[in-house]
Amino acid sequence: MSGFSWQEARFHELNNNGPGSRVTPTRPQLDPALAGEYTLEAYLRGTDGWAPQLAGTRADSAAAPSGA
C-alpha cells in the first residue's frame, strides 16, 4: 500500500478476535447484513458468473457460447 494512507483505504473488519482486535473509530466494521455480498464465491463469480466448481461439467459446458 505504498504511498496510500491505510486510513483512506476501504477495508472493513468483521468478527475479528484475538489480541489487538478491539473495535475503535479508526477500524471500520462491516455491517453483518452486508457480509453475504463479500463471500469468496461472490467475488470469483464476478460479472461473468464464473463457477469454478462446475469446471468440466455439463453445467459448465452449457454456459459456454457455441461455435467458440
PDB file of N, CA and C in Angstrom:
ATOM      1  N   MET A   1       0.838  -1.174   0.000  1.00  0.00           N
ATOM      2  CA  MET A   1       0.000   0.000   0.000  1.00  0.00           C
ATOM      3  C   MET A   1       0.883   1.236   0.000  1.00  0.00           C
ATOM      4  N   SER A   2       2.006   1.077  -0.601  1.00  0.00           N
ATOM      5  CA  SER A   2       2.978   2.154  -0.659  1.00  0.00           C
ATOM      6  C   SER A   2       2.352   3.434  -1.213  1.00  0.00           C
ATOM      7  N   GLY A   3       2.504   4.521  -0.479  1.00  0.00           N
ATOM      8  CA  GLY A   3       2.014   5.802  -0.917  1.00  0.00           C
ATOM      9  C   GLY A   3       0.573   6.096  -0.559  1.00  0.00           C
ATOM     10  N   PHE A   4      -0.121   5.124   0.035  1.00  0.00           N
ATOM     11  CA  PHE A   4      -1.519   5.317   0.402  1.00  0.00           C
ATOM     12  C   PHE A   4      -1.678   5.205   1.904  1.00  0.00           C
ATOM     13  N   SER A   5      -2.506   6.054   2.445  1.00  0.00           N
ATOM     14  CA  SER A   5      -2.777   6.016   3.870  1.00  0.00           C
ATOM     15  C   SER A   5      -3.754   4.893   4.172  1.00  0.00           C
ATOM     16  N   TRP A   6      -3.472   4.066   5.157  1.00  0.00           N
ATOM     17  CA  TRP A   6      -4.386   2.972   5.498  1.00  0.00           C
ATOM     18  C   TRP A   6      -5.726   3.511   5.967  1.00  0.00           C
ATOM     19  N   GLN A   7      -5.733   4.747   6.495  1.00  0.00           N
ATOM     20  CA  GLN A   7      -6.988   5.329   6.965  1.00  0.00           C
ATOM     21  C   GLN A   7      -7.930   5.662   5.813  1.00  0.00           C
ATOM     22  N   GLU A   8      -7.377   5.837   4.619  1.00  0.00           N
ATOM     23  CA  GLU A   8      -8.208   6.155   3.466  1.00  0.00           C
ATOM     24  C   GLU A   8      -8.600   4.914   2.675  1.00  0.00           C
ATOM     25  N   ALA A   9      -8.087   3.780   3.045  1.00  0.00           N
ATOM     26  CA  ALA A   9      -8.424   2.531   2.355  1.00  0.00           C
ATOM     27  C   ALA A   9      -9.857   2.146   2.663  1.00  0.00           C
ATOM     28  N   ARG A  10     -10.408   1.299   1.869  1.00  0.00           N
ATOM     29  CA  ARG A  10     -11.801   0.898   2.059  1.00  0.00           C
ATOM     30  C   ARG A  10     -11.896  -0.484   2.678  1.00  0.00           C
ATOM     31  N   PHE A  11     -11.111  -0.749   3.680  1.00  0.00           N
ATOM     32  CA  PHE A  11     -11.146  -2.027   4.373  1.00  0.00           C
ATOM     33  C   PHE A  11     -12.108  -1.958   5.547  1.00  0.00           C
ATOM     34  N   HIS A  12     -12.798  -3.040   5.795  1.00  0.00           N
ATOM     35  CA  HIS A  12     -13.676  -3.151   6.951  1.00  0.00           C
ATOM     36  C   HIS A  12     -13.416  -4.494   7.619  1.00  0.00           C
ATOM     37  N   GLU A  13     -13.640  -4.552   8.899  1.00  0.00           N
ATOM     38  CA  GLU A  13     -13.442  -5.774   9.660  1.00  0.00           C
ATOM     39  C   GLU A  13     -14.791  -6.393  10.006  1.00  0.00           C
ATOM     40  N   LEU A  14     -14.787  -7.710  10.188  1.00  0.00           N
ATOM     41  CA  LEU A  14     -15.993  -8.414  10.601  1.00  0.00           C
ATOM     42  C   LEU A  14     -15.589  -9.587  11.471  1.00  0.00           C
ATOM     43  N   ASN A  15     -16.090  -9.610  12.680  1.00  0.00           N
ATOM     44  CA  ASN A  15     -15.871 -10.727  13.605  1.00  0.00           C
ATOM     45  C   ASN A  15     -14.400 -11.014  13.886  1.00  0.00           C
ATOM     46  N   ASN A  16     -13.557  -9.987  13.886  1.00  0.00           N
ATOM     47  CA  ASN A  16     -12.160 -10.221  14.256  1.00  0.00           C
ATOM     48  C   ASN A  16     -12.089 -10.519  15.746  1.00  0.00           C
ATOM     49  N   ASN A  17     -11.143 -11.363  16.113  1.00  0.00           N
ATOM     50  CA  ASN A  17     -10.967 -11.669  17.528  1.00  0.00           C
ATOM     51  C   ASN A  17      -9.496 -11.899  17.818  1.00  0.00           C
ATOM     52  N   GLY A  18      -9.177 -11.952  19.092  1.00  0.00           N
ATOM     53  CA  GLY A  18      -7.798 -12.163  19.493  1.00  0.00           C
ATOM     54  C   GLY A  18      -7.135 -10.861  19.910  1.00  0.00           C
ATOM     55  N   PRO A  19      -5.859 -10.942  20.276  1.00  0.00           N
ATOM     56  CA  PRO A  19      -5.140  -9.758  20.745  1.00  0.00           C
ATOM     57  C   PRO A  19      -5.156  -8.634  19.703  1.00  0.00           C
ATOM     58  N   GLY A  20      -5.484  -7.447  20.133  1.00  0.00           N
ATOM     59  CA  GLY A  20      -5.461  -6.289  19.242  1.00  0.00           C
ATOM     60  C   GLY A  20      -6.684  -6.151  18.352  1.00  0.00           C
ATOM     61  N   SER A  21      -7.717  -6.913  18.596  1.00  0.00           N
ATOM     62  CA  SER A  21      -8.872  -6.890  17.690  1.00  0.00           C
ATOM     63  C   SER A  21     -10.015  -6.018  18.188  1.00  0.00           C
ATOM     64  N   ARG A  22      -9.725  -5.073  19.033  1.00  0.00           N
ATOM     65  CA  ARG A  22     -10.794  -4.232  19.589  1.00  0.00           C
ATOM     66  C   ARG A  22     -11.387  -3.313  18.519  1.00  0.00           C
ATOM     67  N   VAL A  23     -12.637  -2.951  18.696  1.00  0.00           N
ATOM     68  CA  VAL A  23     -13.328  -2.038  17.785  1.00  0.00           C
ATOM     69  C   VAL A  23     -13.037  -0.615  18.231  1.00  0.00           C
ATOM     70  N   THR A  24     -12.545   0.202  17.305  1.00  0.00           N
ATOM     71  CA  THR A  24     -12.252   1.611  17.575  1.00  0.00           C
ATOM     72  C   THR A  24     -12.761   2.440  16.396  1.00  0.00           C
ATOM     73  N   PRO A  25     -12.829   3.762  16.554  1.00  0.00           N
ATOM     74  CA  PRO A  25     -13.286   4.615  15.448  1.00  0.00           C
ATOM     75  C   PRO A  25     -12.420   4.520  14.191  1.00  0.00           C
ATOM     76  N   THR A  26     -11.165   4.136  14.334  1.00  0.00           N
ATOM     77  CA  THR A  26     -10.284   4.045  13.166  1.00  0.00           C
ATOM     78  C   THR A  26     -10.287   2.666  12.531  1.00  0.00           C
ATOM     79  N   ARG A  27     -11.124   1.764  13.033  1.00  0.00           N
ATOM     80  CA  ARG A  27     -11.211   0.413  12.477  1.00  0.00           C
ATOM     81  C   ARG A  27     -12.654   0.144  12.078  1.00  0.00           C
ATOM     82  N   PRO A  28     -13.050   0.555  10.869  1.00  0.00           N
ATOM     83  CA  PRO A  28     -14.433   0.413  10.458  1.00  0.00           C
ATOM     84  C   PRO A  28     -14.873  -1.055  10.449  1.00  0.00           C
ATOM     85  N   GLN A  29     -16.114  -1.267  10.862  1.00  0.00           N
ATOM     86  CA  GLN A  29     -16.672  -2.615  10.934  1.00  0.00           C
ATOM     87  C   GLN A  29     -17.669  -2.822   9.792  1.00  0.00           C
ATOM     88  N   LEU A  30     -17.626  -3.990   9.190  1.00  0.00           N
ATOM     89  CA  LEU A  30     -18.565  -4.334   8.133  1.00  0.00           C
ATOM     90  C   LEU A  30     -19.903  -4.698   8.754  1.00  0.00           C
ATOM     91  N   ASP A  31     -20.966  -4.143   8.229  1.00  0.00           N
ATOM     92  CA  ASP A  31     -22.305  -4.464   8.698  1.00  0.00           C
ATOM     93  C   ASP A  31     -22.560  -5.949   8.410  1.00  0.00           C
ATOM     94  N   PRO A  32     -22.892  -6.758   9.409  1.00  0.00           N
ATOM     95  CA  PRO A  32     -23.122  -8.189   9.187  1.00  0.00           C
ATOM     96  C   PRO A  32     -24.168  -8.466   8.108  1.00  0.00           C
ATOM     97  N   ALA A  33     -25.129  -7.564   7.920  1.00  0.00           N
ATOM     98  CA  ALA A  33     -26.140  -7.751   6.882  1.00  0.00           C
ATOM     99  C   ALA A  33     -25.529  -7.688   5.475  1.00  0.00           C
ATOM    100  N   LEU A  34     -24.390  -7.017   5.342  1.00  0.00           N
ATOM    101  CA  LEU A  34     -23.728  -6.904   4.038  1.00  0.00           C
ATOM    102  C   LEU A  34     -22.698  -8.003   3.802  1.00  0.00           C
ATOM    103  N   ALA A  35     -22.347  -8.743   4.819  1.00  0.00           N
ATOM    104  CA  ALA A  35     -21.280  -9.740   4.713  1.00  0.00           C
ATOM    105  C   ALA A  35     -21.554 -10.772   3.627  1.00  0.00           C
ATOM    106  N   GLY A  36     -22.806 -11.117   3.403  1.00  0.00           N
ATOM    107  CA  GLY A  36     -23.148 -12.101   2.373  1.00  0.00           C
ATOM    108  C   GLY A  36     -22.774 -11.680   0.969  1.00  0.00           C
ATOM    109  N   GLU A  37     -22.603 -10.374   0.769  1.00  0.00           N
ATOM    110  CA  GLU A  37     -22.204  -9.861  -0.539  1.00  0.00           C
ATOM    111  C   GLU A  37     -20.697 -10.005  -0.781  1.00  0.00           C
ATOM    112  N   TYR A  38     -19.954 -10.303   0.277  1.00  0.00           N
ATOM    113  CA  TYR A  38     -18.497 -10.351   0.178  1.00  0.00           C
ATOM    114  C   TYR A  38     -17.974 -11.742   0.495  1.00  0.00           C
ATOM    115  N   THR A  39     -18.496 -12.737  -0.181  1.00  0.00           N
ATOM    116  CA  THR A  39     -18.026 -14.104   0.006  1.00  0.00           C
ATOM    117  C   THR A  39     -17.025 -14.437  -1.089  1.00  0.00           C
ATOM    118  N   LEU A  40     -16.276 -15.486  -0.891  1.00  0.00           N
ATOM    119  CA  LEU A  40     -15.330 -15.943  -1.900  1.00  0.00           C
ATOM    120  C   LEU A  40     -16.069 -16.254  -3.198  1.00  0.00           C
ATOM    121  N   GLU A  41     -17.206 -16.935  -3.095  1.00  0.00           N
ATOM    122  CA  GLU A  41     -17.971 -17.301  -4.282  1.00  0.00           C
ATOM    123  C   GLU A  41     -18.455 -16.071  -5.041  1.00  0.00           C
ATOM    124  N   ALA A  42     -18.965 -15.079  -4.316  1.00  0.00           N
ATOM    125  CA  ALA A  42     -19.452 -13.859  -4.962  1.00  0.00           C
ATOM    126  C   ALA A  42     -18.309 -13.116  -5.648  1.00  0.00           C
ATOM    127  N   TYR A  43     -17.151 -13.070  -5.028  1.00  0.00           N
ATOM    128  CA  TYR A  43     -16.006 -12.378  -5.597  1.00  0.00           C
ATOM    129  C   TYR A  43     -15.546 -13.069  -6.877  1.00  0.00           C
ATOM    130  N   LEU A  44     -15.411 -14.400  -6.829  1.00  0.00           N
ATOM    131  CA  LEU A  44     -14.936 -15.133  -8.002  1.00  0.00           C
ATOM    132  C   LEU A  44     -15.970 -15.135  -9.128  1.00  0.00           C
ATOM    133  N   ARG A  45     -17.248 -15.132  -8.777  1.00  0.00           N
ATOM    134  CA  ARG A  45     -18.306 -15.158  -9.789  1.00  0.00           C
ATOM    135  C   ARG A  45     -18.246 -13.903 -10.645  1.00  0.00           C
ATOM    136  N   GLY A  46     -17.953 -12.780 -10.032  1.00  0.00           N
ATOM    137  CA  GLY A  46     -17.834 -11.524 -10.773  1.00  0.00           C
ATOM    138  C   GLY A  46     -19.058 -11.227 -11.607  1.00  0.00           C
ATOM    139  N   THR A  47     -18.859 -10.558 -12.732  1.00  0.00           N
ATOM    140  CA  THR A  47     -19.980 -10.202 -13.601  1.00  0.00           C
ATOM    141  C   THR A  47     -20.237 -11.249 -14.673  1.00  0.00           C
ATOM    142  N   ASP A  48     -19.311 -12.203 -14.823  1.00  0.00           N
ATOM    143  CA  ASP A  48     -19.497 -13.211 -15.870  1.00  0.00           C
ATOM    144  C   ASP A  48     -20.057 -14.535 -15.348  1.00  0.00           C
ATOM    145  N   GLY A  49     -20.330 -14.615 -14.036  1.00  0.00           N
ATOM    146  CA  GLY A  49     -20.945 -15.813 -13.483  1.00  0.00           C
ATOM    147  C   GLY A  49     -20.019 -17.006 -13.362  1.00  0.00           C
ATOM    148  N   TRP A  50     -18.703 -16.787 -13.358  1.00  0.00           N
ATOM    149  CA  TRP A  50     -17.749 -17.889 -13.289  1.00  0.00           C
ATOM    150  C   TRP A  50     -18.011 -18.747 -12.064  1.00  0.00           C
ATOM    151  N   ALA A  51     -18.056 -20.065 -12.262  1.00  0.00           N
ATOM    152  CA  ALA A  51     -18.297 -21.004 -11.171  1.00  0.00           C
ATOM    153  C   ALA A  51     -17.262 -22.122 -11.276  1.00  0.00           C
ATOM    154  N   PRO A  52     -16.087 -21.940 -10.641  1.00  0.00           N
ATOM    155  CA  PRO A  52     -15.008 -22.920 -10.796  1.00  0.00           C
ATOM    156  C   PRO A  52     -15.397 -24.327 -10.367  1.00  0.00           C
ATOM    157  N   GLN A  53     -16.370 -24.470  -9.453  1.00  0.00           N
ATOM    158  CA  GLN A  53     -16.768 -25.794  -9.025  1.00  0.00           C
ATOM    159  C   GLN A  53     -17.490 -26.552 -10.138  1.00  0.00           C
ATOM    160  N   LEU A  54     -17.908 -25.874 -11.198  1.00  0.00           N
ATOM    161  CA  LEU A  54     -18.592 -26.523 -12.320  1.00  0.00           C
ATOM    162  C   LEU A  54     -17.662 -26.816 -13.493  1.00  0.00           C
ATOM    163  N   ALA A  55     -16.408 -26.450 -13.385  1.00  0.00           N
ATOM    164  CA  ALA A  55     -15.467 -26.640 -14.492  1.00  0.00           C
ATOM    165  C   ALA A  55     -15.453 -28.096 -14.940  1.00  0.00           C
ATOM    166  N   GLY A  56     -15.626 -28.287 -16.228  1.00  0.00           N
ATOM    167  CA  GLY A  56     -15.585 -29.619 -16.804  1.00  0.00           C
ATOM    168  C   GLY A  56     -16.886 -30.401 -16.705  1.00  0.00           C
ATOM    169  N   THR A  57     -17.916 -29.801 -16.131  1.00  0.00           N
ATOM    170  CA  THR A  57     -19.197 -30.497 -16.024  1.00  0.00           C
ATOM    171  C   THR A  57     -20.131 -30.029 -17.133  1.00  0.00           C
ATOM    172  N   ARG A  58     -21.252 -30.717 -17.283  1.00  0.00           N
ATOM    173  CA  ARG A  58     -22.252 -30.321 -18.271  1.00  0.00           C
ATOM    174  C   ARG A  58     -22.744 -28.895 -18.024  1.00  0.00           C
ATOM    175  N   ALA A  59     -22.916 -28.527 -16.777  1.00  0.00           N
ATOM    176  CA  ALA A  59     -23.377 -27.176 -16.452  1.00  0.00           C
ATOM    177  C   ALA A  59     -22.381 -26.134 -16.949  1.00  0.00           C
ATOM    178  N   ASP A  60     -21.089 -26.430 -16.839  1.00  0.00           N
ATOM    179  CA  ASP A  60     -20.062 -25.520 -17.308  1.00  0.00           C
ATOM    180  C   ASP A  60     -20.123 -25.428 -18.829  1.00  0.00           C
ATOM    181  N   SER A  61     -20.283 -26.545 -19.505  1.00  0.00           N
ATOM    182  CA  SER A  61     -20.318 -26.568 -20.963  1.00  0.00           C
ATOM    183  C   SER A  61     -21.554 -25.866 -21.503  1.00  0.00           C
ATOM    184  N   ALA A  62     -22.675 -25.945 -20.785  1.00  0.00           N
ATOM    185  CA  ALA A  62     -23.898 -25.317 -21.245  1.00  0.00           C
ATOM    186  C   ALA A  62     -23.788 -23.804 -21.245  1.00  0.00           C
ATOM    187  N   ALA A  63     -22.947 -23.274 -20.403  1.00  0.00           N
ATOM    188  CA  ALA A  63     -22.796 -21.828 -20.304  1.00  0.00           C
ATOM    189  C   ALA A  63     -21.885 -21.271 -21.376  1.00  0.00           C
ATOM    190  N   ALA A  64     -21.065 -22.134 -21.988  1.00  0.00           N
ATOM    191  CA  ALA A  64     -20.111 -21.679 -22.995  1.00  0.00           C
ATOM    192  C   ALA A  64     -20.833 -21.361 -24.301  1.00  0.00           C
ATOM    193  N   PRO A  65     -20.449 -20.282 -24.956  1.00  0.00           N
ATOM    194  CA  PRO A  65     -21.079 -19.950 -26.240  1.00  0.00           C
ATOM    195  C   PRO A  65     -20.763 -21.018 -27.283  1.00  0.00           C
ATOM    196  N   SER A  66     -21.728 -21.352 -28.102  1.00  0.00           N
ATOM    197  CA  SER A  66     -21.478 -22.355 -29.146  1.00  0.00           C
ATOM    198  C   SER A  66     -20.673 -21.750 -30.282  1.00  0.00           C
ATOM    199  N   GLY A  67     -19.923 -22.576 -30.959  1.00  0.00           N
ATOM    200  CA  GLY A  67     -19.115 -22.122 -32.081  1.00  0.00           C
ATOM    201  C   GLY A  67     -17.866 -21.383 -31.681  1.00  0.00           C
ATOM    202  N   ALA A  68     -17.477 -21.488 -30.422  1.00  0.00           N
ATOM    203  CA  ALA A  68     -16.285 -20.774 -29.967  1.00  0.00           C
ATOM    204  C   ALA A  68     -15.040 -21.489 -30.381  1.00  0.00           C
TER     205      ALA A  68
END
